[in-house]
């Protein structure tokens, strides 16, 4: 293993860290400093005086849907290369298609589970407990 082949990588890492530090330092040196007050720190409401806190609690449903979205994005990331690269082998070779069929079946089972648990429904009526 030749260590000289890692020199371009080392230069790139040093430049990236150096540029990041330079931007942070320049921001502190040349950044605008203003006195804090309640009016400047309040949320801007198009000229209307704010009537509530700027940071409100967000329902957990939004996070659940976001995580489900990420999961199905990852599914597509795995499906596209399979469709493009192995399209010639699918019709001829069964052992190549069996893992992807298992993967699709697991994802489909996950979708069915989510629909039955109402994980994708944002408008669940609130019940009185």
N, C-alpha and C. Protein backbone atom coordinates (compact mmCIF):
# COMPACT_ATOMS: atom_id res chain seq x y z
N UNK A 1 0.85 -1.17 0.00
CA UNK A 1 0.00 0.00 0.00
C UNK A 1 0.90 1.23 0.00
N UNK A 2 0.64 2.12 -0.93
CA UNK A 2 1.45 3.31 -1.09
C UNK A 2 0.77 4.49 -0.40
N UNK A 3 1.47 5.11 0.55
CA UNK A 3 0.89 6.23 1.29
C UNK A 3 0.78 7.50 0.45
N UNK A 4 1.54 7.58 -0.64
CA UNK A 4 1.47 8.76 -1.50
C UNK A 4 0.12 8.87 -2.20
N UNK A 5 -0.59 7.78 -2.34
CA UNK A 5 -1.90 7.83 -3.00
C UNK A 5 -2.96 8.49 -2.12
N UNK A 6 -2.66 8.65 -0.82
CA UNK A 6 -3.61 9.28 0.09
C UNK A 6 -3.38 10.80 0.23
N UNK A 7 -2.34 11.32 -0.42
CA UNK A 7 -2.05 12.76 -0.31
C UNK A 7 -3.20 13.61 -0.85
N UNK A 8 -3.80 13.32 -2.02
CA UNK A 8 -4.93 14.15 -2.46
C UNK A 8 -6.10 14.13 -1.48
N UNK A 9 -6.37 12.99 -0.88
CA UNK A 9 -7.44 12.89 0.12
C UNK A 9 -7.11 13.73 1.34
N UNK A 10 -5.88 13.67 1.79
CA UNK A 10 -5.45 14.47 2.94
C UNK A 10 -5.56 15.96 2.65
N UNK A 11 -5.17 16.37 1.43
CA UNK A 11 -5.29 17.78 1.05
C UNK A 11 -6.75 18.20 1.04
N UNK A 12 -7.62 17.38 0.53
CA UNK A 12 -9.05 17.71 0.49
C UNK A 12 -9.63 17.84 1.90
N UNK A 13 -9.28 16.93 2.79
CA UNK A 13 -9.78 16.99 4.16
C UNK A 13 -9.26 18.24 4.86
N UNK A 14 -7.98 18.56 4.69
CA UNK A 14 -7.41 19.75 5.31
C UNK A 14 -8.06 21.01 4.77
N UNK A 15 -8.30 21.08 3.46
CA UNK A 15 -8.97 22.24 2.87
C UNK A 15 -10.41 22.37 3.37
N UNK A 16 -11.13 21.27 3.48
CA UNK A 16 -12.52 21.32 3.94
C UNK A 16 -12.61 21.79 5.39
N UNK A 17 -11.76 21.25 6.25
CA UNK A 17 -11.76 21.67 7.66
C UNK A 17 -11.30 23.11 7.78
N UNK A 18 -10.26 23.46 7.04
CA UNK A 18 -9.75 24.83 7.07
C UNK A 18 -10.77 25.84 6.58
N UNK A 19 -11.49 25.52 5.51
CA UNK A 19 -12.50 26.43 4.99
C UNK A 19 -13.65 26.58 5.98
N UNK A 20 -14.07 25.49 6.58
CA UNK A 20 -15.12 25.56 7.59
C UNK A 20 -14.72 26.43 8.77
N UNK A 21 -13.52 26.22 9.27
CA UNK A 21 -13.03 27.05 10.39
C UNK A 21 -12.89 28.51 9.98
N UNK A 22 -12.41 28.77 8.75
CA UNK A 22 -12.25 30.14 8.28
C UNK A 22 -13.60 30.85 8.20
N UNK A 23 -14.63 30.16 7.75
CA UNK A 23 -15.96 30.76 7.66
C UNK A 23 -16.51 31.07 9.05
N UNK A 24 -16.33 30.16 9.98
CA UNK A 24 -16.81 30.40 11.36
C UNK A 24 -16.06 31.56 12.00
N UNK A 25 -14.76 31.61 11.84
CA UNK A 25 -13.96 32.69 12.42
C UNK A 25 -14.33 34.03 11.78
N UNK A 26 -14.46 34.06 10.46
CA UNK A 26 -14.85 35.30 9.77
C UNK A 26 -16.23 35.76 10.21
N UNK A 27 -17.13 34.83 10.45
CA UNK A 27 -18.46 35.20 10.92
C UNK A 27 -18.40 35.85 12.29
N UNK A 28 -17.55 35.35 13.17
CA UNK A 28 -17.42 35.95 14.50
C UNK A 28 -16.72 37.30 14.46
N UNK A 29 -15.74 37.43 13.57
CA UNK A 29 -15.00 38.69 13.49
C UNK A 29 -15.83 39.78 12.81
N UNK A 30 -16.40 39.47 11.64
CA UNK A 30 -17.09 40.48 10.85
C UNK A 30 -18.60 40.46 11.02
N UNK A 31 -19.11 39.55 11.83
CA UNK A 31 -20.56 39.42 12.00
C UNK A 31 -21.18 40.64 12.66
N UNK A 32 -22.43 40.82 12.41
CA UNK A 32 -23.16 41.95 12.96
C UNK A 32 -23.53 41.64 14.41
N UNK A 33 -23.22 42.59 15.27
CA UNK A 33 -23.55 42.41 16.68
C UNK A 33 -24.61 43.45 17.04
N UNK A 34 -25.69 43.00 17.56
CA UNK A 34 -26.77 43.91 17.94
C UNK A 34 -27.19 43.58 19.35
N UNK A 35 -27.69 44.59 20.01
CA UNK A 35 -28.20 44.36 21.36
C UNK A 35 -29.51 43.59 21.26
N UNK A 36 -29.68 42.69 22.18
CA UNK A 36 -30.90 41.88 22.18
C UNK A 36 -32.00 42.63 22.92
N UNK A 37 -33.20 42.58 22.34
CA UNK A 37 -34.36 43.11 23.04
C UNK A 37 -35.57 42.28 22.64
N UNK A 38 -36.65 42.44 23.34
CA UNK A 38 -37.83 41.60 23.13
C UNK A 38 -38.44 41.82 21.76
N UNK A 39 -38.41 43.04 21.26
CA UNK A 39 -39.02 43.31 19.96
C UNK A 39 -38.24 42.67 18.83
N UNK A 40 -36.91 42.75 18.87
CA UNK A 40 -36.11 42.16 17.81
C UNK A 40 -36.08 40.63 17.88
N UNK A 41 -36.22 40.07 19.07
CA UNK A 41 -36.18 38.62 19.22
C UNK A 41 -37.54 37.97 19.01
N UNK A 42 -38.59 38.75 18.85
CA UNK A 42 -39.93 38.15 18.67
C UNK A 42 -40.09 37.68 17.22
N UNK A 43 -41.04 36.79 17.03
CA UNK A 43 -41.30 36.25 15.69
C UNK A 43 -41.99 37.31 14.84
N UNK A 44 -41.64 37.35 13.56
CA UNK A 44 -42.23 38.33 12.66
C UNK A 44 -43.55 37.78 12.14
N UNK A 45 -44.62 38.52 12.33
CA UNK A 45 -45.95 38.09 11.92
C UNK A 45 -46.57 39.07 10.93
N UNK A 46 -45.80 39.54 9.98
CA UNK A 46 -46.29 40.45 8.93
C UNK A 46 -46.91 41.72 9.51
N UNK A 47 -46.30 42.29 10.49
CA UNK A 47 -46.79 43.53 11.07
C UNK A 47 -47.79 43.34 12.18
N UNK A 48 -48.30 42.15 12.36
CA UNK A 48 -49.26 41.87 13.42
C UNK A 48 -48.49 41.47 14.67
N UNK A 49 -48.90 42.00 15.78
CA UNK A 49 -48.23 41.67 17.03
C UNK A 49 -48.41 40.18 17.33
N UNK A 50 -47.33 39.48 17.67
CA UNK A 50 -47.46 38.05 17.95
C UNK A 50 -48.40 37.80 19.12
N UNK A 51 -49.26 36.81 18.97
CA UNK A 51 -50.22 36.51 20.03
C UNK A 51 -49.94 35.20 20.72
N UNK A 52 -48.91 34.49 20.28
CA UNK A 52 -48.60 33.19 20.88
C UNK A 52 -47.08 33.01 20.85
N UNK A 53 -46.61 31.94 21.45
CA UNK A 53 -45.18 31.64 21.44
C UNK A 53 -44.71 31.35 20.01
N UNK A 54 -43.47 31.68 19.74
CA UNK A 54 -42.91 31.43 18.41
C UNK A 54 -42.66 29.93 18.19
N UNK A 55 -42.28 29.26 19.24
CA UNK A 55 -41.99 27.83 19.13
C UNK A 55 -43.11 27.04 19.77
N UNK A 56 -43.91 26.41 18.92
CA UNK A 56 -45.02 25.60 19.42
C UNK A 56 -44.66 24.14 19.29
N UNK A 57 -45.35 23.34 20.04
CA UNK A 57 -45.13 21.90 19.94
C UNK A 57 -45.74 21.38 18.65
N UNK A 58 -45.05 20.43 18.06
CA UNK A 58 -45.51 19.83 16.81
C UNK A 58 -45.93 18.40 17.12
N UNK A 59 -46.99 17.98 16.48
CA UNK A 59 -47.51 16.63 16.70
C UNK A 59 -46.48 15.58 16.28
N UNK A 60 -46.47 14.48 16.98
CA UNK A 60 -45.55 13.39 16.68
C UNK A 60 -45.88 12.76 15.33
N UNK A 61 -47.11 12.90 14.87
CA UNK A 61 -47.52 12.33 13.59
C UNK A 61 -46.63 12.82 12.45
N UNK A 62 -46.21 14.08 12.49
CA UNK A 62 -45.37 14.61 11.43
C UNK A 62 -44.03 13.88 11.39
N UNK A 63 -43.47 13.58 12.55
CA UNK A 63 -42.19 12.87 12.61
C UNK A 63 -42.36 11.42 12.13
N UNK A 64 -43.47 10.80 12.48
CA UNK A 64 -43.72 9.42 12.04
C UNK A 64 -43.81 9.37 10.52
N UNK A 65 -44.56 10.30 9.95
CA UNK A 65 -44.70 10.31 8.49
C UNK A 65 -43.36 10.61 7.84
N UNK A 66 -42.56 11.48 8.42
CA UNK A 66 -41.24 11.78 7.86
C UNK A 66 -40.34 10.55 7.89
N UNK A 67 -40.37 9.80 8.98
CA UNK A 67 -39.56 8.58 9.06
C UNK A 67 -40.03 7.53 8.06
N UNK A 68 -41.35 7.41 7.91
CA UNK A 68 -41.87 6.47 6.92
C UNK A 68 -41.46 6.88 5.51
N UNK A 69 -41.47 8.19 5.25
CA UNK A 69 -41.03 8.69 3.95
C UNK A 69 -39.58 8.32 3.70
N UNK A 70 -38.73 8.45 4.70
CA UNK A 70 -37.31 8.10 4.55
C UNK A 70 -37.17 6.60 4.27
N UNK A 71 -37.94 5.79 4.96
CA UNK A 71 -37.87 4.34 4.74
C UNK A 71 -38.22 3.99 3.31
N UNK A 72 -39.28 4.59 2.78
CA UNK A 72 -39.69 4.25 1.42
C UNK A 72 -38.78 4.90 0.38
N UNK A 73 -38.11 5.99 0.73
CA UNK A 73 -37.10 6.52 -0.17
C UNK A 73 -35.92 5.55 -0.28
N UNK A 74 -35.54 4.98 0.84
CA UNK A 74 -34.45 4.00 0.82
C UNK A 74 -34.86 2.79 -0.01
N UNK A 75 -36.12 2.41 0.06
CA UNK A 75 -36.60 1.30 -0.77
C UNK A 75 -36.40 1.61 -2.24
N UNK A 76 -36.75 2.81 -2.65
CA UNK A 76 -36.60 3.18 -4.05
C UNK A 76 -35.13 3.22 -4.44
N UNK A 77 -34.28 3.66 -3.52
CA UNK A 77 -32.85 3.70 -3.82
C UNK A 77 -32.32 2.30 -4.10
N UNK A 78 -32.86 1.29 -3.44
CA UNK A 78 -32.44 -0.08 -3.70
C UNK A 78 -33.12 -0.68 -4.92
N UNK A 79 -34.31 -0.21 -5.25
CA UNK A 79 -35.05 -0.79 -6.37
C UNK A 79 -34.56 -0.30 -7.73
N UNK A 80 -34.18 0.95 -7.84
CA UNK A 80 -33.79 1.50 -9.14
C UNK A 80 -32.55 0.81 -9.71
N UNK A 81 -31.46 0.64 -8.94
CA UNK A 81 -30.32 -0.08 -9.53
C UNK A 81 -30.67 -1.52 -9.91
N UNK A 82 -31.50 -2.15 -9.13
CA UNK A 82 -31.90 -3.51 -9.47
C UNK A 82 -32.63 -3.53 -10.81
N UNK A 83 -33.53 -2.59 -11.00
CA UNK A 83 -34.29 -2.55 -12.25
C UNK A 83 -33.40 -2.22 -13.44
N UNK A 84 -32.40 -1.40 -13.24
CA UNK A 84 -31.54 -1.00 -14.36
C UNK A 84 -30.46 -2.02 -14.67
N UNK A 85 -29.83 -2.56 -13.65
CA UNK A 85 -28.68 -3.44 -13.88
C UNK A 85 -29.10 -4.89 -14.13
N UNK A 86 -30.05 -5.37 -13.35
CA UNK A 86 -30.39 -6.78 -13.43
C UNK A 86 -31.59 -7.07 -14.32
N UNK A 87 -32.02 -6.13 -15.14
CA UNK A 87 -33.19 -6.37 -15.98
C UNK A 87 -32.97 -7.50 -16.98
N UNK A 88 -31.74 -7.67 -17.45
CA UNK A 88 -31.45 -8.76 -18.39
C UNK A 88 -31.45 -10.13 -17.70
N UNK A 89 -31.10 -10.16 -16.42
CA UNK A 89 -30.99 -11.43 -15.71
C UNK A 89 -32.32 -11.91 -15.12
N UNK A 90 -33.25 -11.01 -14.94
CA UNK A 90 -34.49 -11.36 -14.24
C UNK A 90 -35.25 -12.45 -14.96
N UNK A 91 -35.35 -12.36 -16.27
CA UNK A 91 -36.12 -13.36 -17.01
C UNK A 91 -35.41 -14.70 -17.10
N UNK A 92 -34.09 -14.70 -16.97
CA UNK A 92 -33.33 -15.93 -17.18
C UNK A 92 -32.92 -16.64 -15.89
N UNK A 93 -32.78 -15.91 -14.79
CA UNK A 93 -32.18 -16.50 -13.61
C UNK A 93 -33.04 -16.24 -12.38
N UNK A 94 -33.64 -17.29 -11.84
CA UNK A 94 -34.53 -17.16 -10.69
C UNK A 94 -33.82 -16.79 -9.39
N UNK A 95 -32.62 -17.30 -9.06
CA UNK A 95 -31.97 -16.93 -7.80
C UNK A 95 -31.66 -15.44 -7.68
N UNK A 96 -31.55 -14.73 -8.79
CA UNK A 96 -31.29 -13.30 -8.71
C UNK A 96 -32.55 -12.55 -8.31
N UNK A 97 -33.72 -13.02 -8.74
CA UNK A 97 -34.96 -12.28 -8.47
C UNK A 97 -35.55 -12.61 -7.10
N UNK A 98 -35.20 -13.74 -6.51
CA UNK A 98 -35.79 -14.12 -5.22
C UNK A 98 -35.48 -13.12 -4.09
N UNK A 99 -34.26 -12.63 -3.93
CA UNK A 99 -34.03 -11.65 -2.85
C UNK A 99 -34.82 -10.36 -3.03
N UNK A 100 -34.95 -9.88 -4.26
CA UNK A 100 -35.70 -8.64 -4.46
C UNK A 100 -37.19 -8.87 -4.24
N UNK A 101 -37.68 -10.04 -4.57
CA UNK A 101 -39.09 -10.34 -4.28
C UNK A 101 -39.33 -10.41 -2.78
N UNK A 102 -38.38 -10.95 -2.04
CA UNK A 102 -38.49 -10.97 -0.58
C UNK A 102 -38.46 -9.54 -0.03
N UNK A 103 -37.60 -8.69 -0.58
CA UNK A 103 -37.51 -7.30 -0.16
C UNK A 103 -38.83 -6.58 -0.43
N UNK A 104 -39.41 -6.78 -1.61
CA UNK A 104 -40.69 -6.15 -1.94
C UNK A 104 -41.79 -6.66 -1.02
N UNK A 105 -41.77 -7.94 -0.72
CA UNK A 105 -42.80 -8.50 0.17
C UNK A 105 -42.69 -7.90 1.57
N UNK A 106 -41.47 -7.70 2.07
CA UNK A 106 -41.30 -7.11 3.40
C UNK A 106 -41.78 -5.66 3.41
N UNK A 107 -41.46 -4.90 2.37
CA UNK A 107 -41.91 -3.51 2.29
C UNK A 107 -43.43 -3.46 2.18
N UNK A 108 -44.02 -4.34 1.39
CA UNK A 108 -45.47 -4.37 1.25
C UNK A 108 -46.14 -4.74 2.58
N UNK A 109 -45.53 -5.66 3.32
CA UNK A 109 -46.05 -6.00 4.65
C UNK A 109 -45.99 -4.79 5.57
N UNK A 110 -44.91 -4.02 5.48
CA UNK A 110 -44.80 -2.79 6.28
C UNK A 110 -45.87 -1.78 5.92
N UNK A 111 -46.18 -1.64 4.64
CA UNK A 111 -47.22 -0.70 4.21
C UNK A 111 -48.58 -1.13 4.75
N UNK A 112 -48.87 -2.41 4.66
CA UNK A 112 -50.15 -2.92 5.17
C UNK A 112 -50.25 -2.66 6.68
N UNK A 113 -49.17 -2.90 7.41
CA UNK A 113 -49.15 -2.65 8.85
C UNK A 113 -49.41 -1.18 9.16
N UNK A 114 -48.76 -0.29 8.41
CA UNK A 114 -48.94 1.14 8.64
C UNK A 114 -50.37 1.59 8.36
N UNK A 115 -50.96 1.06 7.31
CA UNK A 115 -52.34 1.44 6.98
C UNK A 115 -53.28 0.94 8.06
N UNK A 116 -53.07 -0.26 8.57
CA UNK A 116 -53.96 -0.79 9.62
C UNK A 116 -53.80 -0.06 10.94
N UNK A 117 -52.61 0.46 11.22
CA UNK A 117 -52.37 1.21 12.46
C UNK A 117 -52.65 2.70 12.29
N UNK A 118 -53.14 3.13 11.14
CA UNK A 118 -53.44 4.52 10.84
C UNK A 118 -52.21 5.43 11.01
N UNK A 119 -51.04 4.93 10.64
CA UNK A 119 -49.82 5.72 10.79
C UNK A 119 -49.76 6.85 9.77
N UNK A 120 -50.46 6.71 8.67
CA UNK A 120 -50.44 7.74 7.63
C UNK A 120 -51.61 8.70 7.72
N UNK A 121 -52.50 8.50 8.69
CA UNK A 121 -53.69 9.34 8.82
C UNK A 121 -53.40 10.45 9.82
N UNK A 122 -53.38 11.69 9.36
CA UNK A 122 -53.09 12.82 10.22
C UNK A 122 -54.33 13.31 10.94
N UNK A 123 -55.48 12.97 10.47
CA UNK A 123 -56.73 13.53 11.01
C UNK A 123 -57.47 12.52 11.87
N UNK A 124 -56.79 11.93 12.80
CA UNK A 124 -57.43 10.98 13.72
C UNK A 124 -58.25 11.78 14.70
N UNK A 125 -59.54 11.49 14.83
CA UNK A 125 -60.35 12.26 15.78
C UNK A 125 -59.91 12.00 17.19
N UNK A 126 -59.91 13.07 17.99
CA UNK A 126 -59.52 12.93 19.38
C UNK A 126 -60.69 12.38 20.18
N UNK A 127 -60.38 11.43 21.04
CA UNK A 127 -61.43 10.83 21.86
C UNK A 127 -61.30 11.37 23.28
N UNK A 128 -62.41 11.46 23.94
CA UNK A 128 -62.39 11.89 25.34
C UNK A 128 -62.07 10.70 26.23
N UNK A 129 -61.06 10.83 27.00
CA UNK A 129 -60.64 9.71 27.87
C UNK A 129 -61.18 9.92 29.25
